[in-house]
Amino acid sequence: MNIILYLIIISLVVAGGFLAAFFWAVRNGQYDDEYTPGVRILLDDDMIDKNNKTN
């Protein structure tokens, strides 16, 4: 029975760590870009063609 208590405590600590990392990422602007993901699929081919030209 004690091992279940330890596992619950450890899982809560890990979940708290992930929650803290998420809030840190949001506070530092990791999710601010709303435009680029929608057009990235349109821009990738042009970027690859320009970078791969050997002439």
C-alpha atoms as a PDB file:
ATOM      1  CA  MET A   1       0.000   0.000   0.000  1.00  0.00           C
ATOM      2  CA  ASN A   2       2.891   2.365   0.644  1.00  0.00           C
ATOM      3  CA  ILE A   3       4.174   1.994  -2.916  1.00  0.00           C
ATOM      4  CA  ILE A   4       0.882   3.332  -4.281  1.00  0.00           C
ATOM      5  CA  LEU A   5       1.220   6.420  -2.116  1.00  0.00           C
ATOM      6  CA  TYR A   6       4.801   6.948  -3.327  1.00  0.00           C
ATOM      7  CA  LEU A   7       3.762   6.536  -6.952  1.00  0.00           C
ATOM      8  CA  ILE A   8       0.931   9.044  -6.556  1.00  0.00           C
ATOM      9  CA  ILE A   9       3.271  11.577  -4.956  1.00  0.00           C
ATOM     10  CA  ILE A  10       5.904  11.092  -7.659  1.00  0.00           C
ATOM     11  CA  SER A  11       3.308  11.412 -10.434  1.00  0.00           C
ATOM     12  CA  LEU A  12       1.979  14.633  -8.913  1.00  0.00           C
ATOM     13  CA  VAL A  13       5.513  16.056  -8.733  1.00  0.00           C
ATOM     14  CA  VAL A  14       6.168  15.129 -12.384  1.00  0.00           C
ATOM     15  CA  ALA A  15       2.805  16.580 -13.471  1.00  0.00           C
ATOM     16  CA  GLY A  16       3.583  19.766 -11.555  1.00  0.00           C
ATOM     17  CA  GLY A  17       6.921  19.992 -13.335  1.00  0.00           C
ATOM     18  CA  PHE A  18       5.273  19.687 -16.736  1.00  0.00           C
ATOM     19  CA  LEU A  19       2.673  22.284 -15.752  1.00  0.00           C
ATOM     20  CA  ALA A  20       5.416  24.667 -14.622  1.00  0.00           C
ATOM     21  CA  ALA A  21       7.299  24.122 -17.900  1.00  0.00           C
ATOM     22  CA  PHE A  22       4.123  24.849 -19.865  1.00  0.00           C
ATOM     23  CA  PHE A  23       3.481  28.104 -17.983  1.00  0.00           C
ATOM     24  CA  TRP A  24       7.132  29.095 -18.454  1.00  0.00           C
ATOM     25  CA  ALA A  25       6.855  28.502 -22.210  1.00  0.00           C
ATOM     26  CA  VAL A  26       3.649  30.515 -22.465  1.00  0.00           C
ATOM     27  CA  ARG A  27       5.123  33.369 -20.440  1.00  0.00           C
ATOM     28  CA  ASN A  28       8.224  33.492 -22.650  1.00  0.00           C
ATOM     29  CA  GLY A  29       6.221  33.716 -25.877  1.00  0.00           C
ATOM     30  CA  GLN A  30       6.613  30.219 -27.320  1.00  0.00           C
ATOM     31  CA  TYR A  31       3.003  30.219 -28.536  1.00  0.00           C
ATOM     32  CA  ASP A  32       2.729  33.798 -29.800  1.00  0.00           C
ATOM     33  CA  ASP A  33       3.154  33.059 -33.515  1.00  0.00           C
ATOM     34  CA  GLU A  34      -0.296  32.430 -34.965  1.00  0.00           C
ATOM     35  CA  TYR A  35       0.380  33.271 -38.617  1.00  0.00           C
ATOM     36  CA  THR A  36       3.425  31.231 -39.644  1.00  0.00           C
ATOM     37  CA  PRO A  37       2.093  27.691 -38.996  1.00  0.00           C
ATOM     38  CA  GLY A  38      -0.815  28.318 -41.363  1.00  0.00           C
ATOM     39  CA  VAL A  39       1.389  29.350 -44.277  1.00  0.00           C
ATOM     40  CA  ARG A  40       4.470  27.253 -43.544  1.00  0.00           C
ATOM     41  CA  ILE A  41       3.300  24.512 -45.885  1.00  0.00           C
ATOM     42  CA  LEU A  42       3.120  27.088 -48.683  1.00  0.00           C
ATOM     43  CA  LEU A  43       6.579  28.529 -48.018  1.00  0.00           C
ATOM     44  CA  ASP A  44       8.664  25.375 -47.467  1.00  0.00           C
ATOM     45  CA  ASP A  45       9.020  24.428 -51.148  1.00  0.00           C
ATOM     46  CA  ASP A  46      10.240  27.892 -52.113  1.00  0.00           C
ATOM     47  CA  MET A  47      12.825  27.879 -49.340  1.00  0.00           C
ATOM     48  CA  ILE A  48      14.122  24.430 -50.300  1.00  0.00           C
ATOM     49  CA  ASP A  49      14.431  25.380 -53.981  1.00  0.00           C
ATOM     50  CA  LYS A  50      16.435  28.516 -53.200  1.00  0.00           C
ATOM     51  CA  ASN A  51      18.790  26.709 -50.808  1.00  0.00           C
ATOM     52  CA  ASN A  52      19.450  23.751 -53.121  1.00  0.00           C
ATOM     53  CA  LYS A  53      20.429  25.734 -56.258  1.00  0.00           C
ATOM     54  CA  THR A  54      23.995  24.982 -57.261  1.00  0.00           C
ATOM     55  CA  ASN A  55      24.159  27.287 -60.319  1.00  0.00           C
END
